[in-house]
Every structure is written in structure tokens, then in C-alpha cells.
Amino acid sequence: MNNSSHASAAPESDPVLARAVSKVKGHVLPLFVIMFILNYIDRVNIGFVRTHMEHDLGIGAAAYGFGAGLFFIGYALFEVPSNMLLQKVGARIWLTRIMFTWGIVATMMAFIQNETHFYILRFLLGVAEAGFFPGVIYYFTRWLPGVERGKAIAIFLSGSAVASLISGPLSGALLQIEGFGFHGWQWMFAIEGLASVALGFFVWFWLDSKPHDAKWMTREEQDALVNAIDREQREREALTTVKPTIGKLLKDRQILLFCALYFCIQLTIYAATFWLPSIIKKMGDLSDIQVGFFNSIPWLISIIAMYAFASLSGKFKFQQAWVAAALLIAAAGMFMSTTGGPIFAFVAICFAAIGFKSASSLFWPIPQGYLDVRIAAAVIALINSIGNLGGFVAPTTFGFLEQTTGSIQGGLYGLAGTSVLAAILVFFAKTSPSAALAPTVPTGAALSKPL
């Protein structure tokens, strides 16, 4: 069979390519979702043991906040180098390495004895996890045609939503374990960390670096898939005479604006992630399991809201307005959380979660529409890295405020103000390329539909 026919056809019109795409999604997507769930749990589970570490190790609010945030420093510093190494050594080796090292570091959290150990391991956890998110996105670019890639990324990102739901009840249940000289918080770190190590073995035997390595596809399916992806790349290269560089794009004010917007969104998300369990504990004499279940409520509400916002934004297209609306909801919820007792604060944060999680998902179509497709993956990784620094600033600031003032109210006011500012700035964001970045089409070249 002529392979070029597969290369020029869309998955819907080429049965061989369609079978290959279906096999890829069935083979790797469930694994990536599970990896993301474990990744997220190992990243945020310290929120459930803050009071335990304070009681057993003397780690106060400021030290907790700083240690929680150090993860994101390591993550941001090593994300781009990690992604470069993945492209050099192959996805199978590098994604397995990422899982093993983050699992080992997460497990070692069970043995911390003081603030210094806490700081070092949180930083190393960020270093170990760096490159996972952009690495999976890069993997999709080598295994799926463009028309299927967006759907796969959306399914992959659902892993964080699932993790938000289950991390509370799971961690709460593990905190009940006592024995062999270990406290519940130590068992939680050990079991959740070792789960990642165990999955790392599975990743090594399950993943392949290139389509032609995949024994679960026929040679015909491998060729159809590789030819289709290569053809897309050739079309992209033909559409422009000059390829925008990262350096050029970083001089673009829009790129800087995207980084600032995502940073503001992540500030609120990680402030809620790391401090919500502490707020819930103030609601009454609750067990760790009860705290875990209460912690799941805002995230469940936010998942429903995300789908509702996505549906509405698809029907009534003005992406900036939808992001602004979501940010204003987040701002209102964070402000209201300062006006009542712990129970009212929890209800207000449930309302805020509708906004800040929806804003996160609604934000990404804006830079994706603006960026040149061939540079988009690298810049999106950059936006993700800088935005995630909000995960350092928010818990560090909250910890400092609680330790020095006895309250996080000032931080909640700050988050409300930041969300309002971002809601204004988002209207300056563009959803289509500027003239400087628009593709330059050679005379006589045929335009194809965007992938």
C-alpha cells in the first residue's frame, strides 16, 4: 500500500491511520493520566500533614510555606533542561527516570527530621518532576496528528482534576496508619511515594520512544502515523520563510503578558491547594479523613464549573471575557472568605474555586491562538514554568503572614486584588498572531487548514 496516501489523509478518511491513532490513545493515555494523578498527589500532599509536621518536627507556618514553595523553584529551574534531555535520550528512558526519582524523593519525605531536610527534599522533588508536563506534551507531538493532539492533552490534564478529588480522602485514610515506629504522616509520604516508584517500572516496560518501536502496531499503521506527522511538520515549515525564535518571542509583550496572567491564576490555585486543609481544620473537631473529604468538595465543584465554562465559551466566543469573568468570581470568593468564620470561609473558597480553576483552563486557548505552531510547545512550557512560580510565592507569603500576624487575611485580600488586576489585563491579550509573527507564505504556496 502507498504510504503517501496515509500521510495526506486525515484520520477520519484513512482507516489505517485511524486504527493507529486509536491504538496510541488506548495504549498511552490511561498511563499518562495515572502518572499525572500520582505526580499531583506527591506534589500537594504536604497540605494534609502541616499540623502533624508542626507537632512532631516543630515546622512552623513560615517554614511550611517556604518549603511548600521551594518545589516550584526546582521545577522552574530544571524544566527546560529536562525537556531537552528527553528529546535527546528518548521518552521511554527519560519519563521512567522522572517517575523513579520523584517517587524516591517523595518517599524520603517520610524521614525528614527538621526544616532543613524539608527544604532540601521539597526542592529536589521539584527538580525530579521537572520536565514531566512538557515531556508528555512533546510525546504527543511525535505520536499523534495535530487534529487528535488537543483532545489527548485535554484528557491528560483531567488527571489533575481527578487527583484534586482523591488526594484528600486518600491522604486522610493513610494518615490513620500507625505502626513500626512511624507516624501517620510518614506512612502517607512513604506509600504515596512508593506508588510512583512502582509505576516507574511499568512505564519502562510499557512506553516506547518512537512509533516504529511499538510492537502493538502493525508496520503499516506505524508508517501511516509517522508519515502523517512528518507531513504536518513539512506543511508548517512551508508556511513560513522565517521561523520565530524563543529569543524573539520573549521580546514580544504578549508573551510576557501570558506569563503574568498565568502567574496570577496559579497564585490563587496553589494558595488554596496548600492552605485549604488548614482552613477546614478550623471548622471544628474534624478527623483527617473528614478533612480530606471536605477538601474534595471545592475541586468537585470546580470540575463541573470548568466543563460548563468550556461549553459556554465554545458557543459564545470571546475568550478574554470568559477568562475575566472566571477571575472576577475567584476574586469575589477570596474576598468573601475574609468576612466570616471558618465555615463561611470554606463556602466562599468553594465559590472561588469555580473561578480560579475555570480561569486556568480557559486561559490556554489564548496563547495557543497567538503563537506560531512550531514554537508554541516551547513557549507554553515557558509560560507553565513561570506561572508555576506562583506556587512558590503564594504559600511562602501565606506562611510568613500567619507566623507574623497570626492570620492569612492579608494574603486573601492580595489574591482577590491580583485576580481583579488579571481580569483587566486579560483584555489586552491577543488570540491571533500579530503581523510580526504571522506566517509568511511563499508566492504560489497553497494554504492548508490549521492543524
Protein backbone atom coordinates (compact mmCIF):
# COMPACT_ATOMS: atom_id res chain seq x y z
CA MET A 1 0.00 0.00 0.00
CA ASN A 2 1.23 3.50 -0.83
CA ASN A 3 2.31 5.18 2.38
CA SER A 4 1.90 8.65 0.95
CA SER A 5 -1.84 8.13 0.82
CA HIS A 6 -1.82 7.73 4.59
CA ALA A 7 0.31 10.80 5.01
CA SER A 8 -2.10 13.03 3.14
CA ALA A 9 -5.28 11.75 4.70
CA ALA A 10 -6.98 12.75 7.91
CA PRO A 11 -7.59 10.02 10.49
CA GLU A 12 -11.32 10.01 9.66
CA SER A 13 -10.70 9.26 5.95
CA ASP A 14 -7.79 6.81 6.33
CA PRO A 15 -8.77 3.63 8.17
CA VAL A 16 -5.13 2.58 8.73
CA LEU A 17 -4.22 5.94 10.27
CA ALA A 18 -7.44 5.90 12.30
CA ARG A 19 -6.55 2.47 13.71
CA ALA A 20 -3.05 3.67 14.58
CA VAL A 21 -4.35 6.78 16.36
CA SER A 22 -6.91 4.70 18.28
CA LYS A 23 -4.21 2.28 19.41
CA VAL A 24 -1.91 5.10 20.53
CA LYS A 25 -4.64 6.73 22.59
CA GLY A 26 -5.65 3.43 24.14
CA HIS A 27 -2.05 2.46 24.91
CA VAL A 28 -0.58 5.65 26.39
CA LEU A 29 -3.40 7.96 27.51
CA PRO A 30 -4.57 5.92 30.54
CA LEU A 31 -0.96 5.57 31.69
CA PHE A 32 -0.25 9.29 31.36
CA VAL A 33 -3.42 10.17 33.30
CA ILE A 34 -2.39 7.81 36.15
CA MET A 35 1.15 9.28 36.11
CA PHE A 36 -0.28 12.78 36.35
CA ILE A 37 -2.52 11.78 39.27
CA LEU A 38 0.45 10.42 41.23
CA ASN A 39 2.55 13.42 40.20
CA TYR A 40 -0.03 15.84 41.55
CA ILE A 41 -0.63 13.93 44.78
CA ASP A 42 3.10 13.77 45.59
CA ARG A 43 3.33 17.49 44.90
CA VAL A 44 0.47 18.70 47.14
CA ASN A 45 0.09 16.04 49.85
CA ILE A 46 2.03 18.17 52.35
CA GLY A 47 -1.11 20.29 52.71
CA PHE A 48 -2.68 17.47 54.71
CA VAL A 49 0.21 16.99 57.14
CA ARG A 50 1.05 20.58 58.02
CA THR A 51 -0.27 20.34 61.59
CA HIS A 52 1.33 16.92 62.05
CA MET A 53 4.76 18.20 61.00
CA GLU A 54 4.36 21.23 63.24
CA HIS A 55 3.54 18.98 66.20
CA ASP A 56 6.19 16.30 65.56
CA LEU A 57 9.01 18.32 63.97
CA GLY A 58 8.37 21.92 65.05
CA ILE A 59 7.98 23.13 61.44
CA GLY A 60 6.00 26.38 61.80
CA ALA A 61 3.77 28.23 59.34
CA ALA A 62 6.56 30.28 57.71
CA ALA A 63 8.84 27.25 57.28
CA TYR A 64 5.94 25.19 55.92
CA GLY A 65 5.01 27.87 53.39
CA PHE A 66 8.60 28.35 52.25
CA GLY A 67 9.19 24.60 51.94
CA ALA A 68 5.94 24.09 50.05
CA GLY A 69 7.00 26.78 47.60
CA LEU A 70 10.59 25.56 47.12
CA PHE A 71 9.22 22.74 44.97
CA PHE A 72 8.37 25.28 42.27
CA ILE A 73 11.83 26.84 42.26
CA GLY A 74 13.43 23.48 41.48
CA TYR A 75 10.69 22.77 38.97
CA ALA A 76 11.10 26.07 37.11
CA LEU A 77 14.91 25.94 37.01
CA PHE A 78 15.12 22.43 35.56
CA GLU A 79 12.00 22.13 33.39
CA VAL A 80 13.55 23.32 30.11
CA PRO A 81 16.87 21.37 30.53
CA SER A 82 14.86 18.27 31.42
CA ASN A 83 12.72 18.60 28.31
CA MET A 84 15.85 19.00 26.16
CA LEU A 85 17.31 15.80 27.62
CA LEU A 86 14.06 13.95 26.95
CA GLN A 87 14.32 14.83 23.27
CA LYS A 88 17.94 13.64 23.26
CA VAL A 89 17.68 10.31 25.11
CA GLY A 90 14.10 9.37 24.28
CA ALA A 91 10.77 9.49 26.08
CA ARG A 92 10.88 5.95 27.47
CA ILE A 93 14.18 6.43 29.31
CA TRP A 94 13.52 9.97 30.49
CA LEU A 95 9.90 9.64 31.64
CA THR A 96 10.88 6.49 33.54
CA ARG A 97 13.76 8.41 35.15
CA ILE A 98 11.39 11.22 36.13
CA MET A 99 8.96 8.79 37.77
CA PHE A 100 11.68 6.91 39.68
CA THR A 101 13.42 9.99 41.01
CA TRP A 102 10.28 11.85 42.04
CA GLY A 103 8.95 8.67 43.69
CA ILE A 104 12.18 8.17 45.64
CA VAL A 105 12.31 11.81 46.79
CA ALA A 106 8.60 11.74 47.73
CA THR A 107 9.23 8.57 49.78
CA MET A 108 12.21 10.17 51.55
CA MET A 109 9.85 12.87 52.86
CA ALA A 110 8.81 10.23 55.41
CA PHE A 111 12.23 10.51 57.06
CA ILE A 112 12.60 14.29 57.46
CA GLN A 113 13.58 15.41 60.94
CA ASN A 114 13.84 19.19 60.67
CA GLU A 115 13.25 22.24 58.49
CA THR A 116 16.49 21.79 56.54
CA HIS A 117 15.54 18.26 55.46
CA PHE A 118 12.11 19.58 54.49
CA TYR A 119 13.57 22.39 52.36
CA ILE A 120 16.11 20.15 50.60
CA LEU A 121 13.61 17.41 49.72
CA ARG A 122 10.91 19.81 48.51
CA PHE A 123 13.46 21.49 46.21
CA LEU A 124 14.70 18.10 44.97
CA LEU A 125 11.12 16.96 44.36
CA GLY A 126 10.69 19.92 42.02
CA VAL A 127 13.96 19.06 40.25
CA ALA A 128 12.87 15.41 39.90
CA GLU A 129 9.42 16.25 38.50
CA ALA A 130 10.72 18.95 36.13
CA GLY A 131 10.05 18.14 32.51
CA PHE A 132 7.16 15.75 33.10
CA PHE A 133 4.36 18.00 31.82
CA PRO A 134 6.14 19.39 28.71
CA GLY A 135 7.66 15.93 28.17
CA VAL A 136 4.23 14.37 27.80
CA ILE A 137 3.12 17.22 25.52
CA TYR A 138 6.23 16.63 23.36
CA TYR A 139 5.45 12.89 23.33
CA PHE A 140 2.02 13.65 21.87
CA THR A 141 3.61 15.74 19.08
CA ARG A 142 5.62 12.67 17.97
CA TRP A 143 2.78 10.16 18.27
CA LEU A 144 -0.48 11.91 17.31
CA PRO A 145 -1.58 14.08 14.36
CA GLY A 146 -2.49 17.66 15.25
CA VAL A 147 -6.23 17.12 14.99
CA GLU A 148 -6.04 14.46 17.73
CA ARG A 149 -3.43 16.13 19.90
CA GLY A 150 -5.72 18.69 21.54
CA LYS A 151 -8.18 16.01 22.62
CA ALA A 152 -5.37 13.91 24.09
CA ILE A 153 -3.96 16.86 26.04
CA ALA A 154 -7.41 17.63 27.47
CA ILE A 155 -7.77 14.03 28.69
CA PHE A 156 -4.25 14.13 30.13
CA LEU A 157 -4.97 17.35 32.02
CA SER A 158 -8.04 15.73 33.55
CA GLY A 159 -5.54 13.84 35.72
CA SER A 160 -5.02 16.92 37.91
CA ALA A 161 -8.77 17.25 38.40
CA VAL A 162 -9.05 13.58 39.42
CA ALA A 163 -6.05 13.97 41.74
CA SER A 164 -7.63 17.01 43.39
CA LEU A 165 -10.70 14.90 44.17
CA ILE A 166 -8.99 11.81 45.52
CA SER A 167 -5.91 13.29 47.20
CA GLY A 168 -7.85 14.43 50.27
CA PRO A 169 -9.70 11.19 51.10
CA LEU A 170 -6.64 9.09 50.18
CA SER A 171 -4.21 11.10 52.28
CA GLY A 172 -6.70 11.29 55.13
CA ALA A 173 -7.06 7.48 55.15
CA LEU A 174 -3.27 6.93 55.06
CA LEU A 175 -2.81 9.32 57.97
CA GLN A 176 -4.71 6.83 60.14
CA ILE A 177 -1.92 4.26 59.82
CA GLU A 178 0.37 3.92 62.83
CA GLY A 179 3.00 1.28 63.43
CA PHE A 180 6.65 0.17 63.23
CA GLY A 181 7.68 3.46 64.82
CA PHE A 182 6.15 5.56 62.01
CA HIS A 183 3.50 8.24 62.41
CA GLY A 184 0.58 8.52 60.00
CA TRP A 185 2.15 11.38 58.03
CA GLN A 186 5.27 9.26 57.47
CA TRP A 187 3.18 6.35 56.20
CA MET A 188 1.37 8.71 53.86
CA PHE A 189 4.59 10.01 52.28
CA ALA A 190 6.10 6.51 52.05
CA ILE A 191 3.07 4.79 50.48
CA GLU A 192 2.27 7.57 48.01
CA GLY A 193 5.94 7.93 47.04
CA LEU A 194 6.49 4.18 46.59
CA ALA A 195 3.40 4.03 44.37
CA SER A 196 5.23 6.35 41.95
CA VAL A 197 8.38 4.18 42.10
CA ALA A 198 6.29 1.08 41.33
CA LEU A 199 4.61 2.80 38.39
CA GLY A 200 8.07 3.73 37.10
CA PHE A 201 8.77 0.02 36.50
CA PHE A 202 5.55 -0.24 34.50
CA VAL A 203 6.43 2.88 32.45
CA TRP A 204 9.76 1.31 31.45
CA PHE A 205 8.11 -1.80 30.05
CA TRP A 206 5.02 -0.11 28.60
CA LEU A 207 6.24 3.03 26.82
CA ASP A 208 8.07 3.23 23.50
CA SER A 209 10.10 6.24 22.39
CA LYS A 210 9.17 6.15 18.69
CA PRO A 211 6.17 4.81 16.74
CA HIS A 212 8.40 2.36 14.85
CA ASP A 213 9.37 0.81 18.21
CA ALA A 214 5.75 0.00 19.04
CA LYS A 215 5.20 -3.75 18.65
CA TRP A 216 1.50 -3.28 19.38
CA MET A 217 1.03 -1.58 15.97
CA THR A 218 1.44 -3.17 12.57
CA ARG A 219 4.18 -1.84 10.29
CA GLU A 220 1.51 -0.35 8.05
CA GLU A 221 -0.01 1.53 10.99
CA GLN A 222 3.42 2.74 12.13
CA ASP A 223 4.22 4.08 8.66
CA ALA A 224 0.83 5.77 8.32
CA LEU A 225 1.25 7.53 11.64
CA VAL A 226 4.85 8.66 11.07
CA ASN A 227 4.09 9.86 7.54
CA ALA A 228 1.07 11.87 8.70
CA ILE A 229 3.05 13.60 11.45
CA ASP A 230 6.04 14.25 9.17
CA ARG A 231 3.71 15.72 6.55
CA GLU A 232 2.26 18.14 9.11
CA GLN A 233 5.77 19.28 10.01
CA ARG A 234 6.67 19.88 6.35
CA GLU A 235 3.49 21.92 5.86
CA ARG A 236 4.31 24.08 8.87
CA GLU A 237 7.83 24.72 7.57
CA ALA A 238 6.48 25.60 4.11
CA LEU A 239 4.08 28.18 5.55
CA THR A 240 6.82 30.49 6.85
CA THR A 241 10.06 31.77 5.44
CA VAL A 242 11.42 32.80 8.86
CA LYS A 243 10.97 30.70 11.97
CA PRO A 244 10.39 32.79 15.12
CA THR A 245 12.98 32.09 17.79
CA ILE A 246 12.39 31.87 21.54
CA GLY A 247 14.55 34.97 21.99
CA LYS A 248 12.42 36.96 19.56
CA LEU A 249 9.19 35.81 21.15
CA LEU A 250 10.39 36.70 24.64
CA LYS A 251 10.71 40.29 23.45
CA ASP A 252 7.05 40.18 22.48
CA ARG A 253 4.92 41.90 25.13
CA GLN A 254 2.13 39.40 24.54
CA ILE A 255 4.34 36.53 25.72
CA LEU A 256 5.23 38.46 28.86
CA LEU A 257 1.53 39.21 29.39
CA PHE A 258 0.66 35.50 29.08
CA CYS A 259 3.30 34.65 31.69
CA ALA A 260 1.95 37.32 34.06
CA LEU A 261 -1.66 36.19 33.63
CA TYR A 262 -0.88 32.55 34.27
CA PHE A 263 1.24 33.52 37.28
CA CYS A 264 -1.76 35.36 38.77
CA ILE A 265 -4.04 32.37 38.19
CA GLN A 266 -1.57 29.92 39.73
CA LEU A 267 -1.12 32.15 42.79
CA THR A 268 -4.73 31.56 43.80
CA ILE A 269 -4.79 27.87 42.86
CA TYR A 270 -1.75 26.97 44.95
CA ALA A 271 -2.74 29.21 47.86
CA ALA A 272 -5.98 27.21 48.06
CA THR A 273 -4.22 23.89 47.47
CA PHE A 274 -1.74 24.25 50.33
CA TRP A 275 -3.84 26.17 52.88
CA LEU A 276 -7.37 24.84 52.38
CA PRO A 277 -6.85 21.82 54.70
CA SER A 278 -5.76 24.21 57.47
CA ILE A 279 -8.87 26.34 56.95
CA ILE A 280 -11.05 23.21 57.05
CA LYS A 281 -9.47 22.10 60.34
CA LYS A 282 -10.67 25.34 61.94
CA MET A 283 -14.28 24.45 61.12
CA GLY A 284 -14.49 22.05 64.05
CA ASP A 285 -13.11 18.91 65.63
CA LEU A 286 -12.62 17.02 62.37
CA SER A 287 -10.62 13.86 61.75
CA ASP A 288 -8.03 13.66 58.98
CA ILE A 289 -10.43 11.63 56.84
CA GLN A 290 -13.19 14.21 57.30
CA VAL A 291 -10.77 17.00 56.39
CA GLY A 292 -9.82 15.01 53.28
CA PHE A 293 -13.43 14.62 52.16
CA PHE A 294 -14.23 18.29 52.81
CA ASN A 295 -11.11 19.20 50.82
CA SER A 296 -12.52 17.38 47.78
CA ILE A 297 -15.70 19.48 47.67
CA PRO A 298 -14.26 22.69 46.10
CA TRP A 299 -12.40 20.67 43.48
CA LEU A 300 -15.51 18.67 42.55
CA ILE A 301 -17.46 21.91 42.16
CA SER A 302 -14.62 23.37 40.09
CA ILE A 303 -14.58 20.41 37.70
CA ILE A 304 -18.30 20.84 36.97
CA ALA A 305 -17.74 24.58 36.51
CA MET A 306 -14.80 24.01 34.15
CA TYR A 307 -16.93 21.92 31.81
CA ALA A 308 -19.79 24.43 31.99
CA PHE A 309 -17.49 27.36 31.21
CA ALA A 310 -15.84 25.42 28.37
CA SER A 311 -19.24 24.68 26.83
CA LEU A 312 -20.40 28.30 27.11
CA SER A 313 -17.15 29.73 25.77
CA GLY A 314 -17.46 27.42 22.76
CA LYS A 315 -20.92 28.79 21.95
CA PHE A 316 -20.29 32.46 22.72
CA LYS A 317 -16.78 33.16 21.55
CA PHE A 318 -14.88 35.93 23.34
CA GLN A 319 -12.19 34.09 25.25
CA GLN A 320 -10.84 37.09 27.12
CA ALA A 321 -14.29 37.90 28.54
CA TRP A 322 -14.74 34.34 29.81
CA VAL A 323 -11.34 34.37 31.50
CA ALA A 324 -12.12 37.77 33.05
CA ALA A 325 -15.49 36.53 34.34
CA ALA A 326 -13.85 33.49 35.92
CA LEU A 327 -11.14 35.66 37.55
CA LEU A 328 -13.76 38.02 39.00
CA ILE A 329 -15.59 35.03 40.52
CA ALA A 330 -12.29 33.93 42.07
CA ALA A 331 -11.69 37.45 43.38
CA ALA A 332 -15.17 37.67 44.90
CA GLY A 333 -14.81 34.27 46.59
CA MET A 334 -11.40 35.08 48.06
CA PHE A 335 -12.62 38.44 49.36
CA MET A 336 -15.76 36.90 50.90
CA SER A 337 -13.63 34.29 52.67
CA THR A 338 -12.25 37.08 54.89
CA THR A 339 -15.66 38.32 56.09
CA GLY A 340 -16.92 35.41 58.20
CA GLY A 341 -15.92 32.42 60.30
CA PRO A 342 -14.15 29.23 59.14
CA ILE A 343 -17.33 27.60 57.76
CA PHE A 344 -18.24 30.70 55.74
CA ALA A 345 -14.62 30.93 54.56
CA PHE A 346 -14.81 27.34 53.30
CA VAL A 347 -18.06 28.06 51.41
CA ALA A 348 -16.50 31.20 49.92
CA ILE A 349 -13.45 29.27 48.73
CA CYS A 350 -15.76 26.69 47.12
CA PHE A 351 -17.22 29.64 45.19
CA ALA A 352 -13.75 30.98 44.38
CA ALA A 353 -12.71 27.55 43.06
CA ILE A 354 -15.36 27.89 40.35
CA GLY A 355 -13.40 30.88 39.14
CA PHE A 356 -9.73 30.06 39.54
CA LYS A 357 -9.88 26.52 38.11
CA SER A 358 -12.07 27.66 35.19
CA ALA A 359 -9.72 30.58 34.52
CA SER A 360 -6.81 28.12 34.29
CA SER A 361 -8.46 26.02 31.58
CA LEU A 362 -9.99 28.99 29.72
CA PHE A 363 -6.62 30.76 29.60
CA TRP A 364 -4.72 28.29 27.39
CA PRO A 365 -6.62 28.81 24.08
CA ILE A 366 -5.45 32.46 24.11
CA PRO A 367 -1.66 31.82 23.83
CA GLN A 368 -2.30 28.77 21.64
CA GLY A 369 -4.16 31.00 19.17
CA TYR A 370 -1.45 33.66 19.24
CA LEU A 371 1.70 31.55 18.95
CA ASP A 372 3.31 30.16 15.82
CA VAL A 373 2.54 26.44 15.90
CA ARG A 374 6.19 25.41 15.57
CA ILE A 375 7.30 27.39 18.60
CA ALA A 376 4.13 27.02 20.65
CA ALA A 377 5.18 23.93 22.64
CA ALA A 378 8.39 25.55 23.91
CA VAL A 379 6.71 28.84 24.80
CA ILE A 380 3.80 27.05 26.51
CA ALA A 381 6.37 25.18 28.62
CA LEU A 382 7.94 28.56 29.47
CA ILE A 383 4.58 30.07 30.41
CA ASN A 384 3.86 27.00 32.53
CA SER A 385 7.25 27.28 34.29
CA ILE A 386 6.94 30.98 35.09
CA GLY A 387 3.27 30.68 36.01
CA ASN A 388 4.02 27.85 38.41
CA LEU A 389 6.32 30.18 40.34
CA GLY A 390 3.01 31.35 41.79
CA GLY A 391 3.23 28.06 43.65
CA PHE A 392 6.32 29.44 45.42
CA VAL A 393 5.08 32.96 46.09
CA ALA A 394 1.61 32.06 47.43
CA PRO A 395 2.47 29.51 50.15
CA THR A 396 5.63 31.39 51.17
CA THR A 397 3.69 34.63 51.60
CA PHE A 398 0.81 32.94 53.43
CA GLY A 399 3.21 31.18 55.79
CA PHE A 400 5.03 34.41 56.59
CA LEU A 401 1.75 36.25 57.21
CA GLU A 402 0.36 33.58 59.51
CA GLN A 403 3.57 33.34 61.52
CA THR A 404 3.99 37.11 61.91
CA THR A 405 0.36 38.29 62.14
CA GLY A 406 -1.50 35.13 63.19
CA SER A 407 -3.79 35.43 60.16
CA ILE A 408 -3.74 34.84 56.40
CA GLN A 409 -6.39 37.53 55.82
CA GLY A 410 -3.90 39.87 54.17
CA GLY A 411 -2.94 37.15 51.73
CA LEU A 412 -6.58 36.53 50.82
CA TYR A 413 -7.03 40.25 50.13
CA GLY A 414 -3.92 40.12 47.96
CA LEU A 415 -5.27 37.19 45.95
CA ALA A 416 -8.57 38.98 45.41
CA GLY A 417 -6.76 42.09 44.19
CA THR A 418 -4.44 40.09 41.95
CA SER A 419 -7.39 38.31 40.32
CA VAL A 420 -9.13 41.64 39.62
CA LEU A 421 -5.92 43.02 38.07
CA ALA A 422 -5.58 39.90 35.89
CA ALA A 423 -9.24 40.23 34.84
CA ILE A 424 -8.42 43.70 33.49
CA LEU A 425 -5.12 42.72 31.86
CA VAL A 426 -6.60 39.75 30.02
CA PHE A 427 -8.45 42.14 27.68
CA PHE A 428 -5.04 43.25 26.37
CA ALA A 429 -4.20 39.66 25.38
CA LYS A 430 -4.48 38.72 21.71
CA THR A 431 -5.87 35.44 20.38
CA SER A 432 -4.41 35.69 16.87
CA PRO A 433 -0.83 36.24 15.67
CA SER A 434 0.46 39.76 15.20
CA ALA A 435 1.77 40.84 11.83
CA ALA A 436 5.32 40.25 13.06
CA LEU A 437 4.55 36.63 13.92
CA ALA A 438 2.03 35.81 11.22
CA PRO A 439 3.21 33.14 8.78
CA THR A 440 4.77 34.45 5.59
CA VAL A 441 3.50 32.33 2.73
CA PRO A 442 5.73 31.99 -0.34
CA THR A 443 4.14 33.06 -3.60
CA GLY A 444 2.02 30.31 -5.07
CA ALA A 445 2.05 28.23 -1.90
CA ALA A 446 -1.22 26.56 -1.05
CA LEU A 447 -2.68 27.19 2.35
CA SER A 448 -3.99 24.23 4.30
CA LYS A 449 -6.38 24.20 7.21
CA PRO A 450 -4.75 24.81 10.59
CA LEU A 451 -3.93 21.62 12.46
